[in-house]
Amino acid sequence: MIMSVVGLGLTVLSLGIWIGLLCFRGQFWQADQRLADEVVDLKEWPAVCAVVPARNEADVLPVSLRSLLSQNYPGPFKVILVDDQSTDGTAEVARKVARTLKTQLEIRSTTSLPPGWSGKLWAVEQGIQQAEQQSSPPEYLLLTDADIEHNPGNLRQLVAKAEQADLDLVSLMVSLRCQSFWERFLIPAFVFFFQKLYPFPWVNNSNKSTAAAAGGCILIRRNTLSRVGGIQMIRQALIDDCALAQAIKSNGGGIWLGLSSSTRSLRSYPSLGTVWEMVARTAFTQLNYSPLLLIGAVLGMGLLYGVPPVAALLGGLTGNWSSAIAGLVGWLLMAGAYLPTLRLYGCSPLLALGLPAIALLYTLMTLDSALRHWRGQGGAWKGRVYAAPR
C-alpha cells in the first residue's frame, strides 16, 4: 500500500513537472526560432571574415569549404582556414577547392599548442589574429566548423539578422546529420534536450539571463569579442560556444540562437559509439563537474522520463488505474513535446514514444562522462585529449 502511494505520488509529480515545462519554460519544445527566409537588402553590407579551424578535415572540405566560398554575400567577405597540424592533406585539399572556384582563400598553420588552451580554440584564436592584422579588419567574424555545409544565403541571413536587430552574436544550431539508425534514434533528442536546457526564446530575450550558442555557426561582432576579452577568456572551455554567449550577454550584448534545416553538419554518427563519444566528451562539464549535480541529473532524468512509462505499464498490469492514467498522460505529454523536433528532422513520429529509452541512453552517457573525468580524462577534439580542470 505504501509503495503504491509513493508510486502514485512520483507519477503525479512527474506529470506536474511536464505540465510546468510545457507551459512555463519558454515554449522550448516548439522549435520555432528560425532565420527569416525572405531576401533582405541593407544599405551597406559590413565586411565579414570567416575563421575555420580544421584538423584532418580533407574528406569534408570539398563540400563544406565550397559552400562557404560560394556564399552570395553582397559585402566584403574573406575566409581564413586554420590548419591545425593535419596529417591528411587538409591544406592541400583546401587550396584545390579555392583554385577550382577561382576565389581567394587564406590558409594559416597553427603553432604549437600553448598550455591552458584547447586545440580548437587555439586554432580559432590564430585565425582571429590574422583577421585583425588585415589592413581593413572586418566588422564581423563568422566562426564556423570545417564540417558545416552552408546554404548559399546563410551568411547574408545571419548578417541581416544582426544588423536589423542590433545583435552582437547570431548563432545557428545547424541541422545535424540524421540518416543512420542511431542518428535518427538519438540526434533529434540531442537537439530537444539542448532546447530544454537552453530555451531558445529565453536566449533571445534580453530580459532573461539564459545564454547559449551553437559553435558550428556563430556570427559575432569583432569589437564585441575584443570587449569581453576575446577567445582567450574561454580558452579552456569545452562548451566554448555557450561560454562565449554567456560572456557577451552578461556584458549587455544582444544574442540570438536559432535552428536551421538548410545549413547542415556533414559529421556522421553511424554507430551508437560515435554518438556516445560526442555526448560523453562534455556532458559532465555541463554539470560543472559536480557529483551533487550529477546525482540530481540522474534522479531528474529518471523522474521525468522513466516514471511515466513505468507507471503506465505497471499500473495497467496491476490494476492501479490512477497511476496508469497519470503515467500515460505524462508519457503522451513528453511525446507531444518531442514531435516538433522530430518533424524538423523528418523522423517518424513513433520515435516520440521511445523518448524514455533515449533518455536512459543519454543518462548513461552522462555517467560515463563523469567516470572519464574522475579517471583524469578530459574532452577531445580531433584526436587530442585534454585533462579536465579539477
Protein backbone atom coordinates (compact mmCIF):
# COMPACT_ATOMS: atom_id res chain seq x y z
CA MET A 1 0.00 0.00 0.00
CA ILE A 2 2.77 2.41 0.93
CA MET A 3 4.67 1.61 -2.26
CA SER A 4 1.52 2.20 -4.26
CA VAL A 5 1.01 5.62 -2.67
CA VAL A 6 4.68 6.55 -3.21
CA GLY A 7 4.49 5.41 -6.82
CA LEU A 8 1.34 7.44 -7.42
CA GLY A 9 2.96 10.46 -5.80
CA LEU A 10 6.05 10.23 -8.03
CA THR A 11 3.87 9.79 -11.09
CA VAL A 12 1.74 12.83 -10.28
CA LEU A 13 4.91 14.83 -9.53
CA SER A 14 6.39 13.86 -12.89
CA LEU A 15 3.15 14.81 -14.64
CA GLY A 16 3.11 18.16 -12.87
CA ILE A 17 6.70 18.88 -13.91
CA TRP A 18 5.89 18.10 -17.54
CA ILE A 19 2.92 20.45 -17.44
CA GLY A 20 5.17 23.12 -15.96
CA LEU A 21 7.85 22.60 -18.59
CA LEU A 22 5.39 22.80 -21.46
CA CYS A 23 3.64 25.88 -20.12
CA PHE A 24 6.36 27.89 -18.42
CA ARG A 25 9.78 27.08 -19.90
CA GLY A 26 9.84 29.43 -22.82
CA GLN A 27 7.85 27.18 -25.16
CA PHE A 28 11.19 25.49 -25.90
CA TRP A 29 9.50 22.46 -27.43
CA GLN A 30 8.01 24.36 -30.37
CA ALA A 31 11.40 24.50 -32.15
CA ASP A 32 10.29 27.65 -33.95
CA GLN A 33 13.26 30.02 -33.68
CA ARG A 34 14.39 30.40 -37.30
CA LEU A 35 16.01 33.00 -39.52
CA ALA A 36 13.69 34.76 -41.93
CA ASP A 37 13.71 33.27 -45.43
CA GLU A 38 12.96 36.48 -47.30
CA VAL A 39 15.82 38.29 -49.04
CA VAL A 40 16.88 41.42 -47.15
CA ASP A 41 18.71 44.36 -48.74
CA LEU A 42 20.77 46.53 -46.40
CA LYS A 43 22.03 49.95 -47.45
CA GLU A 44 25.57 48.81 -46.70
CA TRP A 45 26.80 45.29 -46.07
CA PRO A 46 29.59 45.11 -43.47
CA ALA A 47 32.84 43.23 -44.03
CA VAL A 48 32.94 39.66 -42.71
CA CYS A 49 35.80 37.25 -42.22
CA ALA A 50 35.13 33.55 -41.67
CA VAL A 51 37.53 31.64 -39.43
CA VAL A 52 37.50 27.88 -39.96
CA PRO A 53 39.55 25.65 -37.62
CA ALA A 54 40.39 22.45 -39.47
CA ARG A 55 42.17 19.36 -38.20
CA ASN A 56 42.13 16.36 -40.56
CA GLU A 57 39.07 17.54 -42.50
CA ALA A 58 40.18 16.68 -46.03
CA ASP A 59 37.20 14.38 -46.59
CA VAL A 60 34.53 17.05 -45.99
CA LEU A 61 36.22 20.21 -47.32
CA PRO A 62 35.24 19.68 -50.98
CA VAL A 63 31.62 20.17 -49.86
CA SER A 64 31.84 22.36 -46.76
CA LEU A 65 34.54 24.80 -47.90
CA ARG A 66 32.98 25.09 -51.35
CA SER A 67 29.67 26.10 -49.74
CA LEU A 68 31.42 28.76 -47.66
CA LEU A 69 33.43 30.21 -50.54
CA SER A 70 30.27 30.28 -52.70
CA GLN A 71 28.17 32.45 -50.39
CA ASN A 72 26.07 35.04 -52.23
CA TYR A 73 27.02 37.74 -49.73
CA PRO A 74 26.91 41.27 -51.21
CA GLY A 75 29.61 42.74 -48.94
CA PRO A 76 33.35 42.13 -48.49
CA PHE A 77 33.95 38.54 -47.40
CA LYS A 78 37.14 36.60 -46.71
CA VAL A 79 37.79 33.09 -45.46
CA ILE A 80 40.71 32.05 -43.27
CA LEU A 81 41.20 28.33 -42.84
CA VAL A 82 43.45 27.42 -39.90
CA ASP A 83 45.13 24.09 -40.50
CA ASP A 84 45.69 22.60 -37.06
CA GLN A 85 48.62 20.27 -37.78
CA SER A 86 46.57 17.99 -40.02
CA THR A 87 48.09 14.79 -41.33
CA ASP A 88 45.60 14.10 -44.15
CA GLY A 89 46.44 16.92 -46.57
CA THR A 90 43.74 19.29 -45.32
CA ALA A 91 45.60 22.40 -46.54
CA GLU A 92 46.22 20.95 -50.00
CA VAL A 93 42.57 19.99 -50.41
CA ALA A 94 41.51 23.47 -49.30
CA ARG A 95 43.78 25.12 -51.87
CA LYS A 96 42.41 22.86 -54.59
CA VAL A 97 38.82 23.82 -53.72
CA ALA A 98 39.71 27.52 -53.85
CA ARG A 99 41.51 27.13 -57.19
CA THR A 100 38.51 25.29 -58.64
CA LEU A 101 36.23 28.16 -57.64
CA LYS A 102 38.83 30.77 -58.70
CA THR A 103 38.48 32.56 -55.40
CA GLN A 104 40.83 33.66 -52.65
CA LEU A 105 41.43 31.64 -49.51
CA GLU A 106 43.87 32.36 -46.72
CA ILE A 107 45.42 29.33 -45.04
CA ARG A 108 47.33 29.52 -41.80
CA SER A 109 49.10 26.71 -40.00
CA THR A 110 48.87 26.65 -36.23
CA THR A 111 51.85 26.99 -33.96
CA SER A 112 52.45 24.66 -31.01
CA LEU A 113 49.57 24.41 -28.58
CA PRO A 114 50.35 26.58 -25.54
CA PRO A 115 49.45 25.42 -22.02
CA GLY A 116 45.91 26.17 -20.94
CA TRP A 117 44.35 26.13 -24.41
CA SER A 118 42.11 23.60 -26.12
CA GLY A 119 43.25 22.78 -29.64
CA LYS A 120 40.18 24.07 -31.44
CA LEU A 121 40.12 27.39 -29.60
CA TRP A 122 43.83 27.92 -30.20
CA ALA A 123 43.20 27.44 -33.91
CA VAL A 124 40.28 29.90 -33.78
CA GLU A 125 42.41 32.42 -31.87
CA GLN A 126 45.14 32.36 -34.50
CA GLY A 127 42.61 32.81 -37.28
CA ILE A 128 41.14 35.82 -35.49
CA GLN A 129 44.62 37.28 -35.01
CA GLN A 130 45.21 37.05 -38.74
CA ALA A 131 41.85 38.69 -39.47
CA GLU A 132 42.68 41.57 -37.10
CA GLN A 133 46.04 42.14 -38.77
CA GLN A 134 44.44 42.91 -42.13
CA SER A 135 44.60 46.46 -43.41
CA SER A 136 40.82 46.72 -43.06
CA PRO A 137 39.74 44.43 -40.21
CA PRO A 138 36.23 43.02 -40.64
CA GLU A 139 33.28 44.20 -38.62
CA TYR A 140 32.04 40.64 -38.15
CA LEU A 141 33.69 37.28 -37.64
CA LEU A 142 31.99 34.08 -38.76
CA LEU A 143 33.25 31.25 -36.55
CA THR A 144 32.28 28.01 -38.23
CA ASP A 145 33.38 24.39 -38.14
CA ALA A 146 35.06 22.77 -41.11
CA ASP A 147 32.31 20.17 -41.41
CA ILE A 148 29.43 22.61 -41.96
CA GLU A 149 27.75 22.90 -45.36
CA HIS A 150 26.25 26.40 -45.55
CA ASN A 151 23.27 27.15 -47.74
CA PRO A 152 24.15 29.87 -50.29
CA GLY A 153 22.28 32.63 -48.44
CA ASN A 154 23.30 31.70 -44.90
CA LEU A 155 25.83 34.48 -44.30
CA ARG A 156 23.51 37.07 -45.80
CA GLN A 157 20.70 35.99 -43.45
CA LEU A 158 22.99 35.97 -40.42
CA VAL A 159 24.29 39.48 -41.09
CA ALA A 160 20.82 40.82 -41.86
CA LYS A 161 19.56 39.46 -38.54
CA ALA A 162 22.47 41.02 -36.63
CA GLU A 163 22.16 44.38 -38.34
CA GLN A 164 18.39 44.71 -38.19
CA ALA A 165 18.07 43.60 -34.56
CA ASP A 166 21.32 45.26 -33.43
CA LEU A 167 22.75 41.99 -32.13
CA ASP A 168 26.31 41.19 -31.13
CA LEU A 169 26.08 37.46 -31.73
CA VAL A 170 23.85 35.41 -34.03
CA SER A 171 24.19 31.64 -33.96
CA LEU A 172 22.58 28.70 -35.69
CA MET A 173 22.21 25.17 -34.44
CA VAL A 174 22.74 23.68 -37.86
CA SER A 175 20.89 20.59 -38.95
CA LEU A 176 22.80 17.58 -37.66
CA ARG A 177 23.16 14.54 -39.87
CA CYS A 178 20.22 12.19 -39.35
CA GLN A 179 20.49 9.23 -41.73
CA SER A 180 21.68 6.10 -39.94
CA PHE A 181 19.53 4.24 -37.41
CA TRP A 182 21.40 5.61 -34.42
CA GLU A 183 21.32 9.14 -35.84
CA ARG A 184 17.55 9.01 -36.27
CA PHE A 185 17.14 7.45 -32.84
CA LEU A 186 19.40 9.80 -30.87
CA ILE A 187 20.29 13.00 -32.72
CA PRO A 188 16.86 14.76 -32.66
CA ALA A 189 16.74 14.06 -28.92
CA PHE A 190 20.13 15.76 -28.53
CA VAL A 191 18.62 18.90 -30.08
CA PHE A 192 15.47 18.52 -27.97
CA PHE A 193 17.44 18.25 -24.72
CA PHE A 194 19.59 21.24 -25.70
CA GLN A 195 16.47 23.33 -26.28
CA LYS A 196 15.06 22.24 -22.93
CA LEU A 197 18.29 23.15 -21.17
CA TYR A 198 18.61 26.48 -23.01
CA PRO A 199 15.16 27.55 -24.21
CA PHE A 200 15.86 29.49 -27.39
CA PRO A 201 13.14 32.12 -26.75
CA TRP A 202 14.81 32.85 -23.40
CA VAL A 203 18.25 33.02 -25.01
CA ASN A 204 16.85 35.54 -27.50
CA ASN A 205 15.16 37.62 -24.79
CA SER A 206 17.41 40.41 -23.48
CA ASN A 207 15.49 40.39 -20.19
CA LYS A 208 16.42 36.76 -19.49
CA SER A 209 19.84 35.67 -18.24
CA THR A 210 19.82 32.42 -20.24
CA ALA A 211 22.62 32.42 -22.83
CA ALA A 212 23.73 29.82 -25.34
CA ALA A 213 25.16 29.43 -28.83
CA ALA A 214 25.96 26.61 -31.21
CA GLY A 215 29.65 26.50 -32.07
CA GLY A 216 29.21 25.22 -35.61
CA CYS A 217 27.93 28.59 -36.83
CA ILE A 218 28.47 31.81 -34.87
CA LEU A 219 28.47 35.33 -36.33
CA ILE A 220 29.95 37.81 -33.85
CA ARG A 221 30.94 41.45 -33.93
CA ARG A 222 34.72 41.65 -33.77
CA ASN A 223 34.72 44.66 -31.43
CA THR A 224 32.31 42.91 -29.07
CA LEU A 225 34.54 39.87 -28.91
CA SER A 226 37.51 42.08 -28.04
CA ARG A 227 35.49 43.92 -25.41
CA VAL A 228 34.64 40.76 -23.48
CA GLY A 229 38.23 39.52 -23.52
CA GLY A 230 38.45 37.65 -26.81
CA ILE A 231 38.70 33.92 -27.29
CA GLN A 232 41.38 33.85 -24.61
CA MET A 233 38.83 34.25 -21.85
CA ILE A 234 37.22 30.90 -22.77
CA ARG A 235 40.45 29.17 -23.83
CA GLN A 236 39.92 26.16 -21.55
CA ALA A 237 36.17 25.83 -22.03
CA LEU A 238 34.96 22.56 -23.52
CA ILE A 239 31.48 24.02 -24.05
CA ASP A 240 33.07 27.11 -25.55
CA ASP A 241 30.07 28.25 -27.59
CA CYS A 242 27.80 28.66 -24.56
CA ALA A 243 30.61 30.20 -22.52
CA LEU A 244 31.13 32.81 -25.24
CA ALA A 245 27.41 33.59 -25.44
CA GLN A 246 27.21 33.94 -21.66
CA ALA A 247 30.15 36.36 -21.62
CA ILE A 248 28.53 38.55 -24.25
CA LYS A 249 25.05 38.56 -22.74
CA SER A 250 26.31 39.19 -19.20
CA ASN A 251 28.12 42.25 -20.56
CA GLY A 252 24.94 43.68 -22.03
CA GLY A 253 25.30 42.34 -25.56
CA GLY A 254 22.42 41.08 -27.64
CA ILE A 255 22.45 37.46 -28.78
CA TRP A 256 20.17 35.26 -30.87
CA LEU A 257 20.14 31.50 -31.34
CA GLY A 258 18.00 29.62 -33.81
CA LEU A 259 17.57 26.39 -35.72
CA SER A 260 18.34 25.68 -39.35
CA SER A 261 17.22 22.96 -41.72
CA SER A 262 19.21 24.16 -44.74
CA THR A 263 22.68 24.72 -43.25
CA ARG A 264 23.83 21.33 -42.06
CA SER A 265 26.62 19.37 -40.46
CA LEU A 266 28.40 16.74 -42.53
CA ARG A 267 29.70 14.93 -39.46
CA SER A 268 28.32 11.39 -39.42
CA TYR A 269 27.41 9.30 -36.40
CA PRO A 270 26.98 5.82 -37.90
CA SER A 271 27.06 3.92 -34.61
CA LEU A 272 25.98 4.21 -31.00
CA GLY A 273 29.64 4.61 -30.06
CA THR A 274 30.13 7.72 -32.17
CA VAL A 275 27.11 9.44 -30.64
CA TRP A 276 28.24 8.28 -27.21
CA GLU A 277 31.66 9.90 -27.68
CA MET A 278 30.10 13.21 -28.77
CA VAL A 279 27.93 13.41 -25.65
CA ALA A 280 30.35 11.95 -23.10
CA ARG A 281 33.01 14.46 -24.13
CA THR A 282 31.24 17.38 -22.43
CA ALA A 283 28.22 16.08 -20.51
CA PHE A 284 29.87 16.24 -17.08
CA THR A 285 31.30 19.65 -17.95
CA GLN A 286 27.72 20.86 -18.31
CA LEU A 287 27.22 19.81 -14.67
CA ASN A 288 30.30 21.78 -13.58
CA TYR A 289 32.00 18.52 -12.58
CA SER A 290 29.74 18.37 -9.53
CA PRO A 291 28.85 14.96 -8.05
CA LEU A 292 25.76 16.50 -6.44
CA LEU A 293 24.57 17.89 -9.76
CA LEU A 294 25.26 14.52 -11.35
CA ILE A 295 23.09 12.77 -8.77
CA GLY A 296 20.40 15.40 -9.29
CA ALA A 297 20.59 14.99 -13.06
CA VAL A 298 20.26 11.20 -12.87
CA LEU A 299 17.33 11.39 -10.46
CA GLY A 300 15.72 14.14 -12.52
CA MET A 301 16.01 12.16 -15.76
CA GLY A 302 14.52 9.15 -14.03
CA LEU A 303 11.64 11.16 -12.64
CA LEU A 304 10.89 12.96 -15.91
CA TYR A 305 11.42 10.20 -18.46
CA GLY A 306 11.40 6.93 -16.51
CA VAL A 307 8.49 7.24 -14.11
CA PRO A 308 5.66 7.93 -16.64
CA PRO A 309 6.12 4.82 -18.85
CA VAL A 310 6.85 2.56 -15.87
CA ALA A 311 3.74 3.83 -14.05
CA ALA A 312 1.60 3.47 -17.18
CA LEU A 313 2.70 -0.11 -17.84
CA LEU A 314 2.84 -1.38 -14.27
CA GLY A 315 -0.35 0.43 -13.31
CA GLY A 316 -2.16 -1.19 -16.20
CA LEU A 317 -0.85 -4.64 -15.34
CA THR A 318 -1.68 -4.38 -11.63
CA GLY A 319 -4.98 -2.57 -11.96
CA ASN A 320 -3.68 0.64 -10.34
CA TRP A 321 -5.58 2.83 -12.76
CA SER A 322 -4.76 6.14 -11.07
CA SER A 323 -1.03 5.58 -11.60
CA ALA A 324 -1.62 4.13 -15.05
CA ILE A 325 -3.63 7.12 -16.26
CA ALA A 326 -1.27 9.70 -14.72
CA GLY A 327 1.72 7.88 -16.19
CA LEU A 328 0.14 7.59 -19.63
CA VAL A 329 -0.75 11.29 -19.68
CA GLY A 330 2.82 12.21 -18.71
CA TRP A 331 4.21 9.88 -21.37
CA LEU A 332 1.97 11.41 -24.03
CA LEU A 333 2.90 14.94 -22.94
CA MET A 334 6.62 14.25 -23.33
CA ALA A 335 5.97 12.57 -26.68
CA GLY A 336 3.91 15.53 -27.87
CA ALA A 337 6.66 17.93 -26.82
CA TYR A 338 9.18 15.94 -28.85
CA LEU A 339 7.13 15.90 -32.06
CA PRO A 340 8.14 19.36 -33.42
CA THR A 341 11.82 18.44 -33.22
CA LEU A 342 11.15 15.10 -34.92
CA ARG A 343 9.30 16.94 -37.69
CA LEU A 344 12.27 19.29 -38.08
CA TYR A 345 14.47 16.25 -38.75
CA GLY A 346 11.93 14.38 -40.85
CA CYS A 347 11.82 11.42 -38.47
CA SER A 348 8.91 9.13 -37.71
CA PRO A 349 6.56 10.45 -35.02
CA LEU A 350 6.58 6.97 -33.48
CA LEU A 351 10.06 7.77 -32.16
CA ALA A 352 8.38 10.17 -29.73
CA LEU A 353 7.13 7.21 -27.71
CA GLY A 354 10.72 5.96 -27.43
CA LEU A 355 11.93 9.11 -25.69
CA PRO A 356 12.20 7.34 -22.28
CA ALA A 357 14.62 4.78 -23.75
CA ILE A 358 16.56 7.55 -25.48
CA ALA A 359 16.76 9.47 -22.20
CA LEU A 360 18.14 6.38 -20.50
CA LEU A 361 20.98 6.15 -23.02
CA TYR A 362 21.81 9.86 -22.57
CA THR A 363 21.84 9.37 -18.80
CA LEU A 364 24.32 6.54 -19.17
CA MET A 365 26.46 8.73 -21.43
CA THR A 366 26.47 11.41 -18.74
CA LEU A 367 27.55 8.90 -16.11
CA ASP A 368 30.34 7.75 -18.41
CA SER A 369 31.40 11.38 -18.86
CA ALA A 370 31.74 11.69 -15.08
CA LEU A 371 33.76 8.49 -14.87
CA ARG A 372 36.13 9.78 -17.56
CA HIS A 373 36.64 12.96 -15.59
CA TRP A 374 37.39 11.09 -12.37
CA ARG A 375 39.90 8.94 -14.24
CA GLY A 376 41.70 12.11 -15.31
CA GLN A 377 40.48 12.15 -18.89
CA GLY A 378 39.08 15.29 -20.45
CA GLY A 379 37.50 16.44 -23.66
CA ALA A 380 38.86 15.65 -27.08
CA TRP A 381 38.94 17.44 -30.42
CA LYS A 382 40.23 15.64 -33.49
CA GLY A 383 42.46 13.20 -31.70
CA ARG A 384 43.63 15.48 -28.91
CA VAL A 385 42.65 14.69 -25.34
CA TYR A 386 42.72 17.36 -22.64
CA ALA A 387 42.70 16.80 -18.93
CA ALA A 388 39.57 18.29 -17.44
CA PRO A 389 40.11 21.02 -14.81
CA ARG A 390 39.61 19.80 -11.27
